Amino acid sequence: MITLDDLVHRHQRLTVTRIEAWIERGLLRPVDVQGAAQGGDLCCGFTPVDAARVSLLYELSEDLSFDDESLETVVDLIDQVHGLRHQIGTLAQAIAQQSEDVQRAIAAAVKAIEAGRR
């Protein structure tokens, strides 16, 4: 588990206050370690995925000067794209498990739909 201090030390201008603001805005969802969910002091752990998200938030806000509202919008869109990629991967796995006849029928249907959009 990665600590709050670990995250702060990874980025030159990142502060605990900034990370706490991202948590309050729902941009970051750490694991509650010592009672933060019960109204205690904020004390949380972070997964490697959380750490990568902090790096993204830091880059967008500090390096690209996104304000908090823009940051929320962009991160929400990134989350949606990630969710869609997961769903498409699941669908691709389901199609791969079908017989060749079914796979050919799906491919033909996709081609017909695409041709109809042109």
PDB file of N, CA and C in Angstrom:
ATOM      1  N   MET A   1       0.849  -1.175   0.000  1.00  0.00           N
ATOM      2  CA  MET A   1       0.000   0.000   0.000  1.00  0.00           C
ATOM      3  C   MET A   1       0.896   1.240   0.000  1.00  0.00           C
ATOM      4  N   ILE A   2       0.564   2.191  -0.813  1.00  0.00           N
ATOM      5  CA  ILE A   2       1.315   3.434  -0.957  1.00  0.00           C
ATOM      6  C   ILE A   2       0.713   4.465  -0.006  1.00  0.00           C
ATOM      7  N   THR A   3       1.550   5.189   0.689  1.00  0.00           N
ATOM      8  CA  THR A   3       1.061   6.175   1.656  1.00  0.00           C
ATOM      9  C   THR A   3       0.892   7.552   1.006  1.00  0.00           C
ATOM     10  N   LEU A   4       0.197   8.411   1.727  1.00  0.00           N
ATOM     11  CA  LEU A   4       0.007   9.789   1.289  1.00  0.00           C
ATOM     12  C   LEU A   4       1.356  10.486   1.143  1.00  0.00           C
ATOM     13  N   ASP A   5       2.251  10.258   2.086  1.00  0.00           N
ATOM     14  CA  ASP A   5       3.586  10.863   2.010  1.00  0.00           C
ATOM     15  C   ASP A   5       4.357  10.371   0.788  1.00  0.00           C
ATOM     16  N   ASP A   6       4.195   9.081   0.470  1.00  0.00           N
ATOM     17  CA  ASP A   6       4.866   8.540  -0.726  1.00  0.00           C
ATOM     18  C   ASP A   6       4.425   9.303  -1.974  1.00  0.00           C
ATOM     19  N   LEU A   7       3.120   9.552  -2.086  1.00  0.00           N
ATOM     20  CA  LEU A   7       2.598  10.265  -3.253  1.00  0.00           C
ATOM     21  C   LEU A   7       3.143  11.682  -3.333  1.00  0.00           C
ATOM     22  N   VAL A   8       3.195  12.349  -2.200  1.00  0.00           N
ATOM     23  CA  VAL A   8       3.690  13.731  -2.172  1.00  0.00           C
ATOM     24  C   VAL A   8       5.152  13.775  -2.599  1.00  0.00           C
ATOM     25  N   HIS A   9       5.930  12.810  -2.173  1.00  0.00           N
ATOM     26  CA  HIS A   9       7.362  12.799  -2.505  1.00  0.00           C
ATOM     27  C   HIS A   9       7.629  12.461  -3.969  1.00  0.00           C
ATOM     28  N   ARG A  10       6.661  11.886  -4.648  1.00  0.00           N
ATOM     29  CA  ARG A  10       6.845  11.523  -6.057  1.00  0.00           C
ATOM     30  C   ARG A  10       6.740  12.718  -6.999  1.00  0.00           C
ATOM     31  N   HIS A  11       6.139  13.794  -6.521  1.00  0.00           N
ATOM     32  CA  HIS A  11       5.907  14.956  -7.388  1.00  0.00           C
ATOM     33  C   HIS A  11       6.403  16.207  -6.681  1.00  0.00           C
ATOM     34  N   GLN A  12       7.135  16.997  -7.398  1.00  0.00           N
ATOM     35  CA  GLN A  12       7.849  18.142  -6.839  1.00  0.00           C
ATOM     36  C   GLN A  12       6.946  19.153  -6.123  1.00  0.00           C
ATOM     37  N   ARG A  13       5.818  19.524  -6.729  1.00  0.00           N
ATOM     38  CA  ARG A  13       4.981  20.568  -6.150  1.00  0.00           C
ATOM     39  C   ARG A  13       3.669  20.057  -5.563  1.00  0.00           C
ATOM     40  N   LEU A  14       3.517  18.752  -5.428  1.00  0.00           N
ATOM     41  CA  LEU A  14       2.277  18.173  -4.915  1.00  0.00           C
ATOM     42  C   LEU A  14       2.248  18.262  -3.398  1.00  0.00           C
ATOM     43  N   THR A  15       1.082  18.636  -2.857  1.00  0.00           N
ATOM     44  CA  THR A  15       0.928  18.754  -1.415  1.00  0.00           C
ATOM     45  C   THR A  15      -0.163  17.812  -0.918  1.00  0.00           C
ATOM     46  N   VAL A  16      -0.132  17.543   0.373  1.00  0.00           N
ATOM     47  CA  VAL A  16      -1.178  16.734   1.005  1.00  0.00           C
ATOM     48  C   VAL A  16      -2.524  17.424   0.825  1.00  0.00           C
ATOM     49  N   THR A  17      -2.545  18.740   0.947  1.00  0.00           N
ATOM     50  CA  THR A  17      -3.783  19.509   0.791  1.00  0.00           C
ATOM     51  C   THR A  17      -4.385  19.289  -0.590  1.00  0.00           C
ATOM     52  N   ARG A  18      -3.558  19.268  -1.597  1.00  0.00           N
ATOM     53  CA  ARG A  18      -4.049  19.066  -2.977  1.00  0.00           C
ATOM     54  C   ARG A  18      -4.641  17.666  -3.140  1.00  0.00           C
ATOM     55  N   ILE A  19      -3.957  16.663  -2.608  1.00  0.00           N
ATOM     56  CA  ILE A  19      -4.468  15.295  -2.681  1.00  0.00           C
ATOM     57  C   ILE A  19      -5.793  15.187  -1.929  1.00  0.00           C
ATOM     58  N   GLU A  20      -5.870  15.810  -0.761  1.00  0.00           N
ATOM     59  CA  GLU A  20      -7.114  15.789   0.005  1.00  0.00           C
ATOM     60  C   GLU A  20      -8.251  16.451  -0.770  1.00  0.00           C
ATOM     61  N   ALA A  21      -7.941  17.526  -1.499  1.00  0.00           N
ATOM     62  CA  ALA A  21      -8.962  18.193  -2.319  1.00  0.00           C
ATOM     63  C   ALA A  21      -9.454  17.260  -3.422  1.00  0.00           C
ATOM     64  N   TRP A  22      -8.539  16.517  -4.048  1.00  0.00           N
ATOM     65  CA  TRP A  22      -8.949  15.555  -5.079  1.00  0.00           C
ATOM     66  C   TRP A  22      -9.825  14.463  -4.488  1.00  0.00           C
ATOM     67  N   ILE A  23      -9.502  14.032  -3.280  1.00  0.00           N
ATOM     68  CA  ILE A  23     -10.324  13.016  -2.608  1.00  0.00           C
ATOM     69  C   ILE A  23     -11.715  13.581  -2.334  1.00  0.00           C
ATOM     70  N   GLU A  24     -11.784  14.787  -1.811  1.00  0.00           N
ATOM     71  CA  GLU A  24     -13.075  15.426  -1.507  1.00  0.00           C
ATOM     72  C   GLU A  24     -13.916  15.623  -2.759  1.00  0.00           C
ATOM     73  N   ARG A  25     -13.298  15.896  -3.895  1.00  0.00           N
ATOM     74  CA  ARG A  25     -14.022  16.095  -5.156  1.00  0.00           C
ATOM     75  C   ARG A  25     -14.375  14.766  -5.825  1.00  0.00           C
ATOM     76  N   GLY A  26     -13.916  13.666  -5.249  1.00  0.00           N
ATOM     77  CA  GLY A  26     -14.220  12.353  -5.804  1.00  0.00           C
ATOM     78  C   GLY A  26     -13.319  11.947  -6.957  1.00  0.00           C
ATOM     79  N   LEU A  27     -12.253  12.680  -7.179  1.00  0.00           N
ATOM     80  CA  LEU A  27     -11.329  12.354  -8.259  1.00  0.00           C
ATOM     81  C   LEU A  27     -10.375  11.226  -7.889  1.00  0.00           C
ATOM     82  N   LEU A  28     -10.268  10.977  -6.606  1.00  0.00           N
ATOM     83  CA  LEU A  28      -9.367   9.956  -6.086  1.00  0.00           C
ATOM     84  C   LEU A  28     -10.096   9.256  -4.950  1.00  0.00           C
ATOM     85  N   ARG A  29     -10.074   7.932  -4.949  1.00  0.00           N
ATOM     86  CA  ARG A  29     -10.787   7.156  -3.928  1.00  0.00           C
ATOM     87  C   ARG A  29      -9.823   6.188  -3.254  1.00  0.00           C
ATOM     88  N   PRO A  30      -9.098   6.657  -2.258  1.00  0.00           N
ATOM     89  CA  PRO A  30      -8.137   5.786  -1.579  1.00  0.00           C
ATOM     90  C   PRO A  30      -8.847   4.771  -0.682  1.00  0.00           C
ATOM     91  N   VAL A  31      -8.065   3.829  -0.199  1.00  0.00           N
ATOM     92  CA  VAL A  31      -8.553   2.846   0.750  1.00  0.00           C
ATOM     93  C   VAL A  31      -8.452   3.453   2.140  1.00  0.00           C
ATOM     94  N   ASP A  32      -9.557   3.384   2.902  1.00  0.00           N
ATOM     95  CA  ASP A  32      -9.566   3.889   4.280  1.00  0.00           C
ATOM     96  C   ASP A  32      -8.714   2.960   5.143  1.00  0.00           C
ATOM     97  N   VAL A  33      -7.700   3.525   5.796  1.00  0.00           N
ATOM     98  CA  VAL A  33      -6.809   2.701   6.598  1.00  0.00           C
ATOM     99  C   VAL A  33      -7.082   2.852   8.090  1.00  0.00           C
ATOM    100  N   GLN A  34      -7.270   4.086   8.560  1.00  0.00           N
ATOM    101  CA  GLN A  34      -7.422   4.292   9.996  1.00  0.00           C
ATOM    102  C   GLN A  34      -8.567   5.234  10.328  1.00  0.00           C
ATOM    103  N   GLY A  35      -9.758   4.832  10.023  1.00  0.00           N
ATOM    104  CA  GLY A  35     -10.906   5.559  10.529  1.00  0.00           C
ATOM    105  C   GLY A  35     -11.344   6.795   9.796  1.00  0.00           C
ATOM    106  N   ALA A  36     -10.825   7.074   8.616  1.00  0.00           N
ATOM    107  CA  ALA A  36     -11.276   8.257   7.896  1.00  0.00           C
ATOM    108  C   ALA A  36     -12.763   8.161   7.587  1.00  0.00           C
ATOM    109  N   ALA A  37     -13.254   6.949   7.330  1.00  0.00           N
ATOM    110  CA  ALA A  37     -14.673   6.783   7.014  1.00  0.00           C
ATOM    111  C   ALA A  37     -15.557   7.066   8.232  1.00  0.00           C
ATOM    112  N   GLN A  38     -15.010   6.953   9.440  1.00  0.00           N
ATOM    113  CA  GLN A  38     -15.783   7.223  10.653  1.00  0.00           C
ATOM    114  C   GLN A  38     -15.601   8.654  11.143  1.00  0.00           C
ATOM    115  N   GLY A  39     -15.107   9.516  10.291  1.00  0.00           N
ATOM    116  CA  GLY A  39     -14.951  10.919  10.646  1.00  0.00           C
ATOM    117  C   GLY A  39     -13.632  11.235  11.326  1.00  0.00           C
ATOM    118  N   GLY A  40     -12.713  10.300  11.351  1.00  0.00           N
ATOM    119  CA  GLY A  40     -11.409  10.547  11.946  1.00  0.00           C
ATOM    120  C   GLY A  40     -10.524  11.325  10.999  1.00  0.00           C
ATOM    121  N   ASP A  41      -9.270  11.472  11.374  1.00  0.00           N
ATOM    122  CA  ASP A  41      -8.312  12.148  10.499  1.00  0.00           C
ATOM    123  C   ASP A  41      -8.172  11.366   9.199  1.00  0.00           C
ATOM    124  N   LEU A  42      -7.912  12.112   8.152  1.00  0.00           N
ATOM    125  CA  LEU A  42      -7.725  11.480   6.851  1.00  0.00           C
ATOM    126  C   LEU A  42      -6.445  10.661   6.888  1.00  0.00           C
ATOM    127  N   CYS A  43      -6.610   9.370   6.779  1.00  0.00           N
ATOM    128  CA  CYS A  43      -5.459   8.480   6.753  1.00  0.00           C
ATOM    129  C   CYS A  43      -5.806   7.360   5.797  1.00  0.00           C
ATOM    130  N   CYS A  44      -5.121   7.313   4.730  1.00  0.00           N
ATOM    131  CA  CYS A  44      -5.535   6.367   3.710  1.00  0.00           C
ATOM    132  C   CYS A  44      -4.332   5.774   3.019  1.00  0.00           C
ATOM    133  N   GLY A  45      -4.592   4.646   2.374  1.00  0.00           N
ATOM    134  CA  GLY A  45      -3.572   4.000   1.572  1.00  0.00           C
ATOM    135  C   GLY A  45      -3.972   4.057   0.115  1.00  0.00           C
ATOM    136  N   PHE A  46      -3.008   3.910  -0.730  1.00  0.00           N
ATOM    137  CA  PHE A  46      -3.243   4.026  -2.160  1.00  0.00           C
ATOM    138  C   PHE A  46      -2.673   2.812  -2.876  1.00  0.00           C
ATOM    139  N   THR A  47      -3.389   2.355  -3.886  1.00  0.00           N
ATOM    140  CA  THR A  47      -2.924   1.256  -4.725  1.00  0.00           C
ATOM    141  C   THR A  47      -2.041   1.832  -5.828  1.00  0.00           C
ATOM    142  N   PRO A  48      -1.326   0.978  -6.549  1.00  0.00           N
ATOM    143  CA  PRO A  48      -0.553   1.469  -7.698  1.00  0.00           C
ATOM    144  C   PRO A  48      -1.435   2.173  -8.740  1.00  0.00           C
ATOM    145  N   VAL A  49      -2.668   1.714  -8.908  1.00  0.00           N
ATOM    146  CA  VAL A  49      -3.586   2.389  -9.836  1.00  0.00           C
ATOM    147  C   VAL A  49      -3.897   3.799  -9.329  1.00  0.00           C
ATOM    148  N   ASP A  50      -4.109   3.945  -8.003  1.00  0.00           N
ATOM    149  CA  ASP A  50      -4.326   5.271  -7.423  1.00  0.00           C
ATOM    150  C   ASP A  50      -3.118   6.170  -7.672  1.00  0.00           C
ATOM    151  N   ALA A  51      -1.927   5.623  -7.507  1.00  0.00           N
ATOM    152  CA  ALA A  51      -0.705   6.406  -7.710  1.00  0.00           C
ATOM    153  C   ALA A  51      -0.610   6.886  -9.154  1.00  0.00           C
ATOM    154  N   ALA A  52      -0.978   6.028 -10.092  1.00  0.00           N
ATOM    155  CA  ALA A  52      -0.976   6.432 -11.507  1.00  0.00           C
ATOM    156  C   ALA A  52      -2.011   7.528 -11.740  1.00  0.00           C
ATOM    157  N   ARG A  53      -3.151   7.423 -11.072  1.00  0.00           N
ATOM    158  CA  ARG A  53      -4.196   8.439 -11.211  1.00  0.00           C
ATOM    159  C   ARG A  53      -3.717   9.776 -10.630  1.00  0.00           C
ATOM    160  N   VAL A  54      -3.001   9.720  -9.523  1.00  0.00           N
ATOM    161  CA  VAL A  54      -2.438  10.946  -8.949  1.00  0.00           C
ATOM    162  C   VAL A  54      -1.470  11.579  -9.943  1.00  0.00           C
ATOM    163  N   SER A  55      -0.659  10.773 -10.597  1.00  0.00           N
ATOM    164  CA  SER A  55       0.275  11.304 -11.607  1.00  0.00           C
ATOM    165  C   SER A  55      -0.485  11.988 -12.735  1.00  0.00           C
ATOM    166  N   LEU A  56      -1.588  11.376 -13.179  1.00  0.00           N
ATOM    167  CA  LEU A  56      -2.414  11.981 -14.227  1.00  0.00           C
ATOM    168  C   LEU A  56      -3.025  13.295 -13.736  1.00  0.00           C
ATOM    169  N   LEU A  57      -3.603  13.278 -12.550  1.00  0.00           N
ATOM    170  CA  LEU A  57      -4.212  14.487 -11.993  1.00  0.00           C
ATOM    171  C   LEU A  57      -3.174  15.599 -11.843  1.00  0.00           C
ATOM    172  N   TYR A  58      -2.002  15.220 -11.374  1.00  0.00           N
ATOM    173  CA  TYR A  58      -0.919  16.187 -11.198  1.00  0.00           C
ATOM    174  C   TYR A  58      -0.519  16.794 -12.536  1.00  0.00           C
ATOM    175  N   GLU A  59      -0.333  15.945 -13.536  1.00  0.00           N
ATOM    176  CA  GLU A  59       0.083  16.442 -14.855  1.00  0.00           C
ATOM    177  C   GLU A  59      -0.978  17.364 -15.452  1.00  0.00           C
ATOM    178  N   LEU A  60      -2.239  16.962 -15.363  1.00  0.00           N
ATOM    179  CA  LEU A  60      -3.309  17.790 -15.920  1.00  0.00           C
ATOM    180  C   LEU A  60      -3.420  19.130 -15.206  1.00  0.00           C
ATOM    181  N   SER A  61      -3.312  19.106 -13.884  1.00  0.00           N
ATOM    182  CA  SER A  61      -3.502  20.354 -13.133  1.00  0.00           C
ATOM    183  C   SER A  61      -2.258  21.236 -13.107  1.00  0.00           C
ATOM    184  N   GLU A  62      -1.111  20.635 -12.913  1.00  0.00           N
ATOM    185  CA  GLU A  62       0.111  21.432 -12.773  1.00  0.00           C
ATOM    186  C   GLU A  62       0.783  21.728 -14.113  1.00  0.00           C
ATOM    187  N   ASP A  63       0.992  20.704 -14.906  1.00  0.00           N
ATOM    188  CA  ASP A  63       1.729  20.880 -16.154  1.00  0.00           C
ATOM    189  C   ASP A  63       0.871  21.491 -17.261  1.00  0.00           C
ATOM    190  N   LEU A  64      -0.429  21.135 -17.286  1.00  0.00           N
ATOM    191  CA  LEU A  64      -1.310  21.635 -18.339  1.00  0.00           C
ATOM    192  C   LEU A  64      -2.271  22.718 -17.852  1.00  0.00           C
ATOM    193  N   SER A  65      -2.195  23.071 -16.582  1.00  0.00           N
ATOM    194  CA  SER A  65      -2.969  24.165 -15.970  1.00  0.00           C
ATOM    195  C   SER A  65      -4.488  24.001 -16.076  1.00  0.00           C
ATOM    196  N   PHE A  66      -4.987  22.777 -15.945  1.00  0.00           N
ATOM    197  CA  PHE A  66      -6.431  22.563 -15.915  1.00  0.00           C
ATOM    198  C   PHE A  66      -6.967  23.050 -14.573  1.00  0.00           C
ATOM    199  N   ASP A  67      -8.083  23.795 -14.602  1.00  0.00           N
ATOM    200  CA  ASP A  67      -8.726  24.160 -13.342  1.00  0.00           C
ATOM    201  C   ASP A  67      -9.512  22.946 -12.836  1.00  0.00           C
ATOM    202  N   ASP A  68     -10.047  23.026 -11.604  1.00  0.00           N
ATOM    203  CA  ASP A  68     -10.694  21.868 -10.995  1.00  0.00           C
ATOM    204  C   ASP A  68     -11.908  21.367 -11.778  1.00  0.00           C
ATOM    205  N   GLU A  69     -12.698  22.272 -12.320  1.00  0.00           N
ATOM    206  CA  GLU A  69     -13.878  21.848 -13.076  1.00  0.00           C
ATOM    207  C   GLU A  69     -13.468  21.144 -14.372  1.00  0.00           C
ATOM    208  N   SER A  70     -12.496  21.689 -15.070  1.00  0.00           N
ATOM    209  CA  SER A  70     -12.005  21.054 -16.294  1.00  0.00           C
ATOM    210  C   SER A  70     -11.373  19.706 -15.976  1.00  0.00           C
ATOM    211  N   LEU A  71     -10.646  19.659 -14.870  1.00  0.00           N
ATOM    212  CA  LEU A  71     -10.008  18.420 -14.432  1.00  0.00           C
ATOM    213  C   LEU A  71     -11.054  17.335 -14.202  1.00  0.00           C
ATOM    214  N   GLU A  72     -12.144  17.692 -13.524  1.00  0.00           N
ATOM    215  CA  GLU A  72     -13.219  16.730 -13.278  1.00  0.00           C
ATOM    216  C   GLU A  72     -13.824  16.228 -14.584  1.00  0.00           C
ATOM    217  N   THR A  73     -14.039  17.125 -15.522  1.00  0.00           N
ATOM    218  CA  THR A  73     -14.638  16.749 -16.810  1.00  0.00           C
ATOM    219  C   THR A  73     -13.724  15.806 -17.574  1.00  0.00           C
ATOM    220  N   VAL A  74     -12.451  16.140 -17.663  1.00  0.00           N
ATOM    221  CA  VAL A  74     -11.507  15.329 -18.414  1.00  0.00           C
ATOM    222  C   VAL A  74     -11.332  13.952 -17.770  1.00  0.00           C
ATOM    223  N   VAL A  75     -11.212  13.921 -16.460  1.00  0.00           N
ATOM    224  CA  VAL A  75     -11.031  12.647 -15.768  1.00  0.00           C
ATOM    225  C   VAL A  75     -12.287  11.785 -15.900  1.00  0.00           C
ATOM    226  N   ASP A  76     -13.465  12.405 -15.852  1.00  0.00           N
ATOM    227  CA  ASP A  76     -14.699  11.652 -16.056  1.00  0.00           C
ATOM    228  C   ASP A  76     -14.725  11.029 -17.451  1.00  0.00           C
ATOM    229  N   LEU A  77     -14.316  11.787 -18.455  1.00  0.00           N
ATOM    230  CA  LEU A  77     -14.269  11.258 -19.820  1.00  0.00           C
ATOM    231  C   LEU A  77     -13.251  10.120 -19.944  1.00  0.00           C
ATOM    232  N   ILE A  78     -12.112  10.270 -19.316  1.00  0.00           N
ATOM    233  CA  ILE A  78     -11.098   9.208 -19.335  1.00  0.00           C
ATOM    234  C   ILE A  78     -11.652   7.955 -18.666  1.00  0.00           C
ATOM    235  N   ASP A  79     -12.347   8.122 -17.543  1.00  0.00           N
ATOM    236  CA  ASP A  79     -12.953   6.976 -16.866  1.00  0.00           C
ATOM    237  C   ASP A  79     -13.992   6.287 -17.755  1.00  0.00           C
ATOM    238  N   GLN A  80     -14.777   7.081 -18.479  1.00  0.00           N
ATOM    239  CA  GLN A  80     -15.771   6.505 -19.388  1.00  0.00           C
ATOM    240  C   GLN A  80     -15.100   5.710 -20.508  1.00  0.00           C
ATOM    241  N   VAL A  81     -14.048   6.254 -21.078  1.00  0.00           N
ATOM    242  CA  VAL A  81     -13.326   5.552 -22.145  1.00  0.00           C
ATOM    243  C   VAL A  81     -12.747   4.240 -21.602  1.00  0.00           C
ATOM    244  N   HIS A  82     -12.187   4.294 -20.405  1.00  0.00           N
ATOM    245  CA  HIS A  82     -11.633   3.080 -19.797  1.00  0.00           C
ATOM    246  C   HIS A  82     -12.736   2.031 -19.601  1.00  0.00           C
ATOM    247  N   GLY A  83     -13.900   2.452 -19.126  1.00  0.00           N
ATOM    248  CA  GLY A  83     -15.022   1.538 -18.948  1.00  0.00           C
ATOM    249  C   GLY A  83     -15.490   0.935 -20.261  1.00  0.00           C
ATOM    250  N   LEU A  84     -15.549   1.760 -21.294  1.00  0.00           N
ATOM    251  CA  LEU A  84     -15.948   1.268 -22.610  1.00  0.00           C
ATOM    252  C   LEU A  84     -14.940   0.268 -23.174  1.00  0.00           C
ATOM    253  N   ARG A  85     -13.663   0.540 -22.985  1.00  0.00           N
ATOM    254  CA  ARG A  85     -12.631  -0.393 -23.442  1.00  0.00           C
ATOM    255  C   ARG A  85     -12.783  -1.740 -22.747  1.00  0.00           C
ATOM    256  N   HIS A  86     -13.104  -1.712 -21.466  1.00  0.00           N
ATOM    257  CA  HIS A  86     -13.312  -2.955 -20.716  1.00  0.00           C
ATOM    258  C   HIS A  86     -14.521  -3.713 -21.265  1.00  0.00           C
ATOM    259  N   GLN A  87     -15.612  -2.993 -21.531  1.00  0.00           N
ATOM    260  CA  GLN A  87     -16.812  -3.628 -22.064  1.00  0.00           C
ATOM    261  C   GLN A  87     -16.560  -4.224 -23.450  1.00  0.00           C
ATOM    262  N   ILE A  88     -15.830  -3.510 -24.295  1.00  0.00           N
ATOM    263  CA  ILE A  88     -15.518  -4.008 -25.630  1.00  0.00           C
ATOM    264  C   ILE A  88     -14.635  -5.258 -25.530  1.00  0.00           C
ATOM    265  N   GLY A  89     -13.701  -5.258 -24.612  1.00  0.00           N
ATOM    266  CA  GLY A  89     -12.856  -6.433 -24.406  1.00  0.00           C
ATOM    267  C   GLY A  89     -13.670  -7.643 -23.971  1.00  0.00           C
ATOM    268  N   THR A  90     -14.619  -7.408 -23.086  1.00  0.00           N
ATOM    269  CA  THR A  90     -15.498  -8.489 -22.640  1.00  0.00           C
ATOM    270  C   THR A  90     -16.333  -9.021 -23.801  1.00  0.00           C
ATOM    271  N   LEU A  91     -16.872  -8.106 -24.594  1.00  0.00           N
ATOM    272  CA  LEU A  91     -17.657  -8.506 -25.764  1.00  0.00           C
ATOM    273  C   LEU A  91     -16.798  -9.302 -26.751  1.00  0.00           C
ATOM    274  N   ALA A  92     -15.573  -8.862 -26.980  1.00  0.00           N
ATOM    275  CA  ALA A  92     -14.670  -9.571 -27.891  1.00  0.00           C
ATOM    276  C   ALA A  92     -14.384 -10.986 -27.381  1.00  0.00           C
ATOM    277  N   GLN A  93     -14.207 -11.133 -26.080  1.00  0.00           N
ATOM    278  CA  GLN A  93     -13.986 -12.465 -25.509  1.00  0.00           C
ATOM    279  C   GLN A  93     -15.212 -13.348 -25.700  1.00  0.00           C
ATOM    280  N   ALA A  94     -16.399 -12.782 -25.506  1.00  0.00           N
ATOM    281  CA  ALA A  94     -17.633 -13.546 -25.690  1.00  0.00           C
ATOM    282  C   ALA A  94     -17.795 -13.992 -27.138  1.00  0.00           C
ATOM    283  N   ILE A  95     -17.480 -13.099 -28.065  1.00  0.00           N
ATOM    284  CA  ILE A  95     -17.570 -13.449 -29.489  1.00  0.00           C
ATOM    285  C   ILE A  95     -16.560 -14.542 -29.828  1.00  0.00           C
ATOM    286  N   ALA A  96     -15.356 -14.439 -29.273  1.00  0.00           N
ATOM    287  CA  ALA A  96     -14.316 -15.433 -29.544  1.00  0.00           C
ATOM    288  C   ALA A  96     -14.710 -16.826 -29.047  1.00  0.00           C
ATOM    289  N   GLN A  97     -15.589 -16.888 -28.086  1.00  0.00           N
ATOM    290  CA  GLN A  97     -16.027 -18.180 -27.541  1.00  0.00           C
ATOM    291  C   GLN A  97     -17.150 -18.820 -28.366  1.00  0.00           C
ATOM    292  N   GLN A  98     -17.638 -18.103 -29.351  1.00  0.00           N
ATOM    293  CA  GLN A  98     -18.730 -18.616 -30.182  1.00  0.00           C
ATOM    294  C   GLN A  98     -18.176 -19.456 -31.322  1.00  0.00           C
ATOM    295  N   SER A  99     -19.060 -20.217 -31.931  1.00  0.00           N
ATOM    296  CA  SER A  99     -18.659 -21.039 -33.083  1.00  0.00           C
ATOM    297  C   SER A  99     -18.266 -20.126 -34.245  1.00  0.00           C
ATOM    298  N   GLU A 100     -17.554 -20.694 -35.198  1.00  0.00           N
ATOM    299  CA  GLU A 100     -17.123 -19.910 -36.358  1.00  0.00           C
ATOM    300  C   GLU A 100     -18.318 -19.369 -37.138  1.00  0.00           C
ATOM    301  N   ASP A 101     -19.393 -20.141 -37.214  1.00  0.00           N
ATOM    302  CA  ASP A 101     -20.590 -19.673 -37.919  1.00  0.00           C
ATOM    303  C   ASP A 101     -21.163 -18.420 -37.260  1.00  0.00           C
ATOM    304  N   VAL A 102     -21.224 -18.445 -35.953  1.00  0.00           N
ATOM    305  CA  VAL A 102     -21.752 -17.284 -35.224  1.00  0.00           C
ATOM    306  C   VAL A 102     -20.806 -16.099 -35.397  1.00  0.00           C
ATOM    307  N   GLN A 103     -19.506 -16.341 -35.327  1.00  0.00           N
ATOM    308  CA  GLN A 103     -18.529 -15.265 -35.515  1.00  0.00           C
ATOM    309  C   GLN A 103     -18.656 -14.650 -36.907  1.00  0.00           C
ATOM    310  N   ARG A 104     -18.819 -15.474 -37.926  1.00  0.00           N
ATOM    311  CA  ARG A 104     -19.002 -14.956 -39.289  1.00  0.00           C
ATOM    312  C   ARG A 104     -20.297 -14.150 -39.396  1.00  0.00           C
ATOM    313  N   ALA A 105     -21.352 -14.630 -38.753  1.00  0.00           N
ATOM    314  CA  ALA A 105     -22.638 -13.913 -38.784  1.00  0.00           C
ATOM    315  C   ALA A 105     -22.507 -12.545 -38.104  1.00  0.00           C
ATOM    316  N   ILE A 106     -21.796 -12.500 -37.007  1.00  0.00           N
ATOM    317  CA  ILE A 106     -21.583 -11.219 -36.306  1.00  0.00           C
ATOM    318  C   ILE A 106     -20.754 -10.286 -37.189  1.00  0.00           C
ATOM    319  N   ALA A 107     -19.688 -10.811 -37.798  1.00  0.00           N
ATOM    320  CA  ALA A 107     -18.844  -9.992 -38.675  1.00  0.00           C
ATOM    321  C   ALA A 107     -19.652  -9.444 -39.842  1.00  0.00           C
ATOM    322  N   ALA A 108     -20.506 -10.268 -40.428  1.00  0.00           N
ATOM    323  CA  ALA A 108     -21.342  -9.811 -41.547  1.00  0.00           C
ATOM    324  C   ALA A 108     -22.325  -8.739 -41.091  1.00  0.00           C
ATOM    325  N   ALA A 109     -22.892  -8.918 -39.905  1.00  0.00           N
ATOM    326  CA  ALA A 109     -23.840  -7.929 -39.382  1.00  0.00           C
ATOM    327  C   ALA A 109     -23.137  -6.604 -39.125  1.00  0.00           C
ATOM    328  N   VAL A 110     -21.931  -6.659 -38.587  1.00  0.00           N
ATOM    329  CA  VAL A 110     -21.155  -5.432 -38.328  1.00  0.00           C
ATOM    330  C   VAL A 110     -20.861  -4.720 -39.646  1.00  0.00           C
ATOM    331  N   LYS A 111     -20.447  -5.451 -40.672  1.00  0.00           N
ATOM    332  CA  LYS A 111     -20.154  -4.852 -41.970  1.00  0.00           C
ATOM    333  C   LYS A 111     -21.412  -4.207 -42.557  1.00  0.00           C
ATOM    334  N   ALA A 112     -22.541  -4.873 -42.438  1.00  0.00           N
ATOM    335  CA  ALA A 112     -23.792  -4.327 -42.969  1.00  0.00           C
ATOM    336  C   ALA A 112     -24.189  -3.055 -42.237  1.00  0.00           C
ATOM    337  N   ILE A 113     -24.038  -3.046 -40.943  1.00  0.00           N
ATOM    338  CA  ILE A 113     -24.368  -1.851 -40.150  1.00  0.00           C
ATOM    339  C   ILE A 113     -23.453  -0.700 -40.552  1.00  0.00           C
ATOM    340  N   GLU A 114     -22.137  -0.982 -40.647  1.00  0.00           N
ATOM    341  CA  GLU A 114     -21.190   0.067 -41.047  1.00  0.00           C
ATOM    342  C   GLU A 114     -21.483   0.596 -42.443  1.00  0.00           C
ATOM    343  N   ALA A 115     -21.831  -0.285 -43.366  1.00  0.00           N
ATOM    344  CA  ALA A 115     -22.151   0.139 -44.736  1.00  0.00           C
ATOM    345  C   ALA A 115     -23.393   1.015 -44.737  1.00  0.00           C
ATOM    346  N   GLY A 116     -24.337   0.733 -43.872  1.00  0.00           N
ATOM    347  CA  GLY A 116     -25.560   1.525 -43.787  1.00  0.00           C
ATOM    348  C   GLY A 116     -25.344   2.904 -43.218  1.00  0.00           C
ATOM    349  N   ARG A 117     -24.264   3.111 -42.519  1.00  0.00           N
ATOM    350  CA  ARG A 117     -23.969   4.426 -41.926  1.00  0.00           C
ATOM    351  C   ARG A 117     -23.253   5.344 -42.901  1.00  0.00           C
ATOM    352  N   ARG A 118     -22.792   4.817 -44.001  1.00  0.00           N
ATOM    353  CA  ARG A 118     -22.012   5.628 -44.943  1.00  0.00           C
ATOM    354  C   ARG A 118     -22.881   6.361 -45.881  1.00  0.00           C
TER     355      ARG A 118
END
